[in-house]
All heavy atoms as atom14 arrays in JSON, in Angstrom:
{
  "sequence": "ARINERSRKEESKISIEYLKELHKRHEEVF",
  "atom14_mask": [
    [1, 1, 1, 1, 1, 0, 0, 0, 0, 0, 0, 0, 0, 0],
    [1, 1, 1, 1, 1, 1, 1, 1, 1, 1, 1, 0, 0, 0],
    [1, 1, 1, 1, 1, 1, 1, 1, 0, 0, 0, 0, 0, 0],
    [1, 1, 1, 1, 1, 1, 1, 1, 0, 0, 0, 0, 0, 0],
    [1, 1, 1, 1, 1, 1, 1, 1, 1, 0, 0, 0, 0, 0],
    [1, 1, 1, 1, 1, 1, 1, 1, 1, 1, 1, 0, 0, 0],
    [1, 1, 1, 1, 1, 1, 0, 0, 0, 0, 0, 0, 0, 0],
    [1, 1, 1, 1, 1, 1, 1, 1, 1, 1, 1, 0, 0, 0],
    [1, 1, 1, 1, 1, 1, 1, 1, 1, 0, 0, 0, 0, 0],
    [1, 1, 1, 1, 1, 1, 1, 1, 1, 0, 0, 0, 0, 0],
    [1, 1, 1, 1, 1, 1, 1, 1, 1, 0, 0, 0, 0, 0],
    [1, 1, 1, 1, 1, 1, 0, 0, 0, 0, 0, 0, 0, 0],
    [1, 1, 1, 1, 1, 1, 1, 1, 1, 0, 0, 0, 0, 0],
    [1, 1, 1, 1, 1, 1, 1, 1, 0, 0, 0, 0, 0, 0],
    [1, 1, 1, 1, 1, 1, 0, 0, 0, 0, 0, 0, 0, 0],
    [1, 1, 1, 1, 1, 1, 1, 1, 0, 0, 0, 0, 0, 0],
    [1, 1, 1, 1, 1, 1, 1, 1, 1, 0, 0, 0, 0, 0],
    [1, 1, 1, 1, 1, 1, 1, 1, 1, 1, 1, 1, 0, 0],
    [1, 1, 1, 1, 1, 1, 1, 1, 0, 0, 0, 0, 0, 0],
    [1, 1, 1, 1, 1, 1, 1, 1, 1, 0, 0, 0, 0, 0],
    [1, 1, 1, 1, 1, 1, 1, 1, 1, 0, 0, 0, 0, 0],
    [1, 1, 1, 1, 1, 1, 1, 1, 0, 0, 0, 0, 0, 0],
    [1, 1, 1, 1, 1, 1, 1, 1, 1, 1, 0, 0, 0, 0],
    [1, 1, 1, 1, 1, 1, 1, 1, 1, 0, 0, 0, 0, 0],
    [1, 1, 1, 1, 1, 1, 1, 1, 1, 1, 1, 0, 0, 0],
    [1, 1, 1, 1, 1, 1, 1, 1, 1, 1, 0, 0, 0, 0],
    [1, 1, 1, 1, 1, 1, 1, 1, 1, 0, 0, 0, 0, 0],
    [1, 1, 1, 1, 1, 1, 1, 1, 1, 0, 0, 0, 0, 0],
    [1, 1, 1, 1, 1, 1, 1, 0, 0, 0, 0, 0, 0, 0],
    [1, 1, 1, 1, 1, 1, 1, 1, 1, 1, 1, 0, 0, 0]
  ],
  "atom14_positions": [
    [[0.86, -1.24, -0.04], [-0.01, -0.07, -0.09], [0.83, 1.27, 0.04], [0.56, 2.21, -0.72], [-0.91, 0.07, 1.19], [0.0, 0.0, 0.0], [0.0, 0.0, 0.0], [0.0, 0.0, 0.0], [0.0, 0.0, 0.0], [0.0, 0.0, 0.0], [0.0, 0.0, 0.0], [0.0, 0.0, 0.0], [0.0, 0.0, 0.0], [0.0, 0.0, 0.0]],
    [[1.99, 1.3, 0.78], [2.82, 2.38, 0.86], [3.58, 2.68, -0.46], [3.72, 3.77, -0.96], [3.86, 2.27, 1.91], [3.22, 2.39, 3.25], [4.21, 2.12, 4.41], [3.51, 2.29, 5.72], [4.07, 1.91, 6.87], [5.24, 1.19, 6.89], [3.3, 2.01, 7.96], [0.0, 0.0, 0.0], [0.0, 0.0, 0.0], [0.0, 0.0, 0.0]],
    [[3.93, 1.46, -1.18], [4.64, 1.52, -2.48], [3.66, 2.23, -3.39], [3.88, 3.2, -4.27], [4.97, 0.25, -3.01], [6.22, -0.26, -2.18], [5.27, 0.26, -4.39], [6.55, -1.72, -2.39], [0.0, 0.0, 0.0], [0.0, 0.0, 0.0], [0.0, 0.0, 0.0], [0.0, 0.0, 0.0], [0.0, 0.0, 0.0], [0.0, 0.0, 0.0]],
    [[2.41, 1.78, -3.35], [1.38, 2.36, -4.33], [0.99, 3.78, -4.02], [0.9, 4.64, -4.95], [0.14, 1.55, -4.3], [0.25, 0.23, -5.02], [1.1, 0.04, -6.0], [-0.48, -0.85, -4.45], [0.0, 0.0, 0.0], [0.0, 0.0, 0.0], [0.0, 0.0, 0.0], [0.0, 0.0, 0.0], [0.0, 0.0, 0.0], [0.0, 0.0, 0.0]],
    [[1.1, 4.23, -2.69], [0.84, 5.59, -2.39], [2.01, 6.48, -2.89], [1.78, 7.62, -3.36], [0.74, 5.75, -0.87], [-0.59, 5.25, -0.28], [-0.55, 5.24, 1.19], [0.22, 6.07, 1.85], [-1.31, 4.42, 1.88], [0.0, 0.0, 0.0], [0.0, 0.0, 0.0], [0.0, 0.0, 0.0], [0.0, 0.0, 0.0], [0.0, 0.0, 0.0]],
    [[3.27, 6.01, -2.77], [4.35, 6.81, -3.14], [4.41, 6.92, -4.76], [4.82, 7.9, -5.23], [5.76, 6.17, -2.81], [6.05, 6.26, -1.31], [7.44, 5.91, -1.07], [7.61, 4.55, -1.35], [7.59, 3.42, -0.41], [7.37, 3.68, 0.82], [8.04, 2.2, -0.84], [0.0, 0.0, 0.0], [0.0, 0.0, 0.0], [0.0, 0.0, 0.0]],
    [[3.9, 5.84, -5.44], [3.81, 5.97, -6.95], [5.15, 6.3, -7.53], [5.08, 7.17, -8.55], [2.7, 6.89, -7.3], [2.32, 6.72, -8.61], [0.0, 0.0, 0.0], [0.0, 0.0, 0.0], [0.0, 0.0, 0.0], [0.0, 0.0, 0.0], [0.0, 0.0, 0.0], [0.0, 0.0, 0.0], [0.0, 0.0, 0.0], [0.0, 0.0, 0.0]],
    [[6.21, 5.75, -7.14], [7.51, 5.92, -7.73], [7.69, 5.01, -8.84], [7.45, 3.85, -8.89], [8.6, 5.64, -6.69], [8.63, 6.63, -5.53], [9.77, 6.2, -4.58], [9.74, 7.13, -3.46], [10.25, 6.8, -2.23], [10.95, 5.7, -2.1], [10.25, 7.63, -1.19], [0.0, 0.0, 0.0], [0.0, 0.0, 0.0], [0.0, 0.0, 0.0]],
    [[8.18, 5.58, -10.0], [8.37, 4.8, -11.2], [9.24, 3.52, -10.92], [8.92, 2.48, -11.41], [9.07, 5.66, -12.25], [9.19, 4.94, -13.57], [9.8, 5.85, -14.66], [10.15, 5.02, -15.9], [10.93, 5.82, -16.9], [0.0, 0.0, 0.0], [0.0, 0.0, 0.0], [0.0, 0.0, 0.0], [0.0, 0.0, 0.0], [0.0, 0.0, 0.0]],
    [[10.39, 3.68, -10.26], [11.3, 2.57, -10.0], [10.71, 1.52, -9.01], [11.31, 0.47, -8.98], [12.61, 3.15, -9.36], [12.42, 3.9, -7.93], [12.09, 5.38, -8.11], [11.8, 5.89, -9.15], [12.31, 6.02, -7.08], [0.0, 0.0, 0.0], [0.0, 0.0, 0.0], [0.0, 0.0, 0.0], [0.0, 0.0, 0.0], [0.0, 0.0, 0.0]],
    [[9.63, 1.8, -8.51], [8.95, 0.78, -7.67], [7.72, 0.1, -8.26], [7.05, -0.71, -7.74], [8.53, 1.36, -6.33], [9.73, 1.78, -5.31], [9.21, 2.44, -4.14], [8.1, 3.04, -4.01], [9.98, 2.43, -3.19], [0.0, 0.0, 0.0], [0.0, 0.0, 0.0], [0.0, 0.0, 0.0], [0.0, 0.0, 0.0], [0.0, 0.0, 0.0]],
    [[7.37, 0.54, -9.44], [6.12, 0.22, -10.04], [6.01, -1.3, -10.45], [4.88, -1.73, -10.58], [5.9, 1.07, -11.37], [6.87, 0.71, -12.42], [0.0, 0.0, 0.0], [0.0, 0.0, 0.0], [0.0, 0.0, 0.0], [0.0, 0.0, 0.0], [0.0, 0.0, 0.0], [0.0, 0.0, 0.0], [0.0, 0.0, 0.0], [0.0, 0.0, 0.0]],
    [[7.03, -2.0, -10.6], [7.04, -3.45, -10.87], [7.13, -4.38, -9.7], [7.26, -5.56, -9.75], [8.08, -3.66, -11.82], [7.83, -2.97, -13.18], [8.64, -3.53, -14.34], [8.56, -2.62, -15.58], [7.87, -3.04, -16.61], [0.0, 0.0, 0.0], [0.0, 0.0, 0.0], [0.0, 0.0, 0.0], [0.0, 0.0, 0.0], [0.0, 0.0, 0.0]],
    [[7.12, -3.77, -8.46], [7.22, -4.62, -7.27], [5.84, -5.23, -7.06], [4.88, -4.49, -6.83], [7.58, -3.7, -6.04], [9.03, -3.2, -6.33], [7.58, -4.58, -4.72], [9.52, -2.26, -5.22], [0.0, 0.0, 0.0], [0.0, 0.0, 0.0], [0.0, 0.0, 0.0], [0.0, 0.0, 0.0], [0.0, 0.0, 0.0], [0.0, 0.0, 0.0]],
    [[5.88, -6.51, -6.88], [4.61, -7.22, -6.87], [4.31, -7.71, -5.29], [5.33, -7.65, -4.51], [4.62, -8.54, -7.63], [5.6, -9.46, -7.05], [0.0, 0.0, 0.0], [0.0, 0.0, 0.0], [0.0, 0.0, 0.0], [0.0, 0.0, 0.0], [0.0, 0.0, 0.0], [0.0, 0.0, 0.0], [0.0, 0.0, 0.0], [0.0, 0.0, 0.0]],
    [[3.08, -7.89, -5.04], [2.77, -8.24, -3.66], [3.38, -9.75, -3.29], [3.81, -10.01, -2.28], [1.26, -8.39, -3.42], [0.88, -8.57, -1.92], [0.51, -9.27, -4.38], [1.21, -7.45, -0.98], [0.0, 0.0, 0.0], [0.0, 0.0, 0.0], [0.0, 0.0, 0.0], [0.0, 0.0, 0.0], [0.0, 0.0, 0.0], [0.0, 0.0, 0.0]],
    [[3.44, -10.54, -4.46], [4.06, -11.84, -4.19], [5.6, -11.66, -3.74], [6.07, -12.41, -2.96], [4.04, -12.55, -5.58], [2.66, -13.05, -5.9], [1.86, -11.96, -6.54], [2.44, -10.96, -7.05], [0.58, -12.1, -6.44], [0.0, 0.0, 0.0], [0.0, 0.0, 0.0], [0.0, 0.0, 0.0], [0.0, 0.0, 0.0], [0.0, 0.0, 0.0]],
    [[6.31, -10.69, -4.4], [7.64, -10.46, -4.04], [7.73, -10.1, -2.64], [8.63, -10.53, -1.8], [8.29, -9.41, -5.05], [9.65, -8.97, -4.57], [10.85, -9.75, -4.67], [9.86, -7.72, -4.04], [12.0, -9.37, -4.17], [11.05, -7.31, -3.57], [12.17, -8.1, -3.8], [13.34, -7.69, -3.33], [0.0, 0.0, 0.0], [0.0, 0.0, 0.0]],
    [[6.82, -9.11, -2.24], [6.87, -8.66, -0.86], [6.59, -9.72, 0.11], [7.13, -9.65, 1.26], [5.92, -7.4, -0.77], [6.39, -6.11, -1.5], [5.25, -5.18, -1.45], [7.61, -5.58, -1.02], [0.0, 0.0, 0.0], [0.0, 0.0, 0.0], [0.0, 0.0, 0.0], [0.0, 0.0, 0.0], [0.0, 0.0, 0.0], [0.0, 0.0, 0.0]],
    [[5.64, -10.62, -0.19], [5.36, -11.8, 0.66], [6.5, -12.66, 0.92], [6.82, -13.11, 1.97], [4.14, -12.55, 0.14], [2.89, -11.79, 0.34], [1.7, -12.62, -0.25], [0.31, -11.82, -0.08], [-0.81, -12.48, -0.6], [0.0, 0.0, 0.0], [0.0, 0.0, 0.0], [0.0, 0.0, 0.0], [0.0, 0.0, 0.0], [0.0, 0.0, 0.0]],
    [[7.21, -12.96, -0.13], [8.42, -13.75, -0.06], [9.46, -13.01, 0.78], [10.2, -13.62, 1.53], [8.93, -14.17, -1.44], [8.17, -15.2, -2.14], [8.08, -16.44, -1.4], [9.16, -17.02, -1.01], [7.03, -17.01, -1.34], [0.0, 0.0, 0.0], [0.0, 0.0, 0.0], [0.0, 0.0, 0.0], [0.0, 0.0, 0.0], [0.0, 0.0, 0.0]],
    [[9.72, -11.8, 0.5], [10.71, -11.02, 1.25], [10.37, -10.95, 2.75], [11.23, -11.09, 3.52], [10.68, -9.55, 0.54], [11.87, -8.69, 0.88], [13.23, -9.35, 0.62], [11.8, -7.42, 0.14], [0.0, 0.0, 0.0], [0.0, 0.0, 0.0], [0.0, 0.0, 0.0], [0.0, 0.0, 0.0], [0.0, 0.0, 0.0], [0.0, 0.0, 0.0]],
    [[9.09, -10.8, 2.96], [8.6, -10.68, 4.36], [8.9, -12.13, 5.06], [9.42, -12.14, 6.19], [7.14, -10.29, 4.43], [6.59, -10.41, 5.88], [6.92, -9.47, 6.74], [5.72, -11.27, 6.47], [6.19, -9.6, 7.97], [5.65, -10.84, 7.75], [0.0, 0.0, 0.0], [0.0, 0.0, 0.0], [0.0, 0.0, 0.0], [0.0, 0.0, 0.0]],
    [[8.54, -13.12, 4.36], [8.8, -14.54, 4.93], [10.25, -14.71, 5.25], [10.67, -15.22, 6.23], [8.25, -15.52, 3.88], [8.42, -17.05, 4.35], [7.84, -17.92, 3.41], [8.66, -18.15, 2.23], [8.21, -19.31, 1.4], [0.0, 0.0, 0.0], [0.0, 0.0, 0.0], [0.0, 0.0, 0.0], [0.0, 0.0, 0.0], [0.0, 0.0, 0.0]],
    [[11.25, -14.17, 4.39], [12.62, -14.25, 4.61], [13.03, -13.47, 5.77], [13.85, -13.91, 6.58], [13.34, -13.86, 3.23], [14.8, -14.18, 3.3], [15.2, -15.61, 2.98], [14.61, -16.0, 1.64], [14.81, -17.08, 1.13], [15.65, -17.95, 1.81], [14.25, -17.49, -0.03], [0.0, 0.0, 0.0], [0.0, 0.0, 0.0], [0.0, 0.0, 0.0]],
    [[12.55, -12.18, 5.84], [12.88, -11.37, 6.94], [12.44, -11.98, 8.37], [13.25, -11.95, 9.33], [12.27, -9.96, 6.9], [13.06, -8.98, 5.99], [13.0, -9.08, 4.65], [13.91, -8.1, 6.29], [13.83, -8.08, 4.19], [14.34, -7.46, 5.19], [0.0, 0.0, 0.0], [0.0, 0.0, 0.0], [0.0, 0.0, 0.0], [0.0, 0.0, 0.0]],
    [[11.23, -12.57, 8.34], [10.72, -13.18, 9.58], [11.68, -14.42, 10.0], [11.95, -14.64, 11.1], [9.39, -13.66, 9.3], [8.34, -12.58, 9.21], [8.02, -11.88, 10.46], [7.5, -12.45, 11.44], [8.24, -10.59, 10.49], [0.0, 0.0, 0.0], [0.0, 0.0, 0.0], [0.0, 0.0, 0.0], [0.0, 0.0, 0.0], [0.0, 0.0, 0.0]],
    [[12.15, -15.17, 9.01], [12.97, -16.3, 9.16], [14.25, -15.87, 9.79], [14.74, -16.27, 10.81], [13.25, -17.06, 7.86], [14.14, -18.2, 8.07], [14.4, -18.86, 6.66], [13.35, -19.24, 5.97], [15.54, -19.01, 6.31], [0.0, 0.0, 0.0], [0.0, 0.0, 0.0], [0.0, 0.0, 0.0], [0.0, 0.0, 0.0], [0.0, 0.0, 0.0]],
    [[14.95, -14.85, 9.14], [16.25, -14.32, 9.53], [16.23, -13.71, 10.88], [17.08, -13.97, 11.74], [16.79, -13.49, 8.44], [18.17, -12.78, 8.9], [17.2, -14.22, 7.18], [0.0, 0.0, 0.0], [0.0, 0.0, 0.0], [0.0, 0.0, 0.0], [0.0, 0.0, 0.0], [0.0, 0.0, 0.0], [0.0, 0.0, 0.0], [0.0, 0.0, 0.0]],
    [[15.3, -12.68, 11.06], [15.29, -11.78, 12.2], [14.43, -12.21, 13.43], [14.52, -11.62, 14.42], [14.93, -10.37, 11.82], [16.03, -9.84, 10.81], [15.65, -9.51, 9.56], [17.29, -9.57, 11.22], [16.65, -9.0, 8.65], [18.22, -9.07, 10.41], [17.93, -8.83, 9.18], [0.0, 0.0, 0.0], [0.0, 0.0, 0.0], [0.0, 0.0, 0.0]]
  ]
}
């Protein structure tokens, strides 16, 4: 939601699936 609010061109291709995988990895590591 924050990525969409910022509406930055360089973030436009970030998918929710990528964020879910990234979150899973952060939870595992930290």
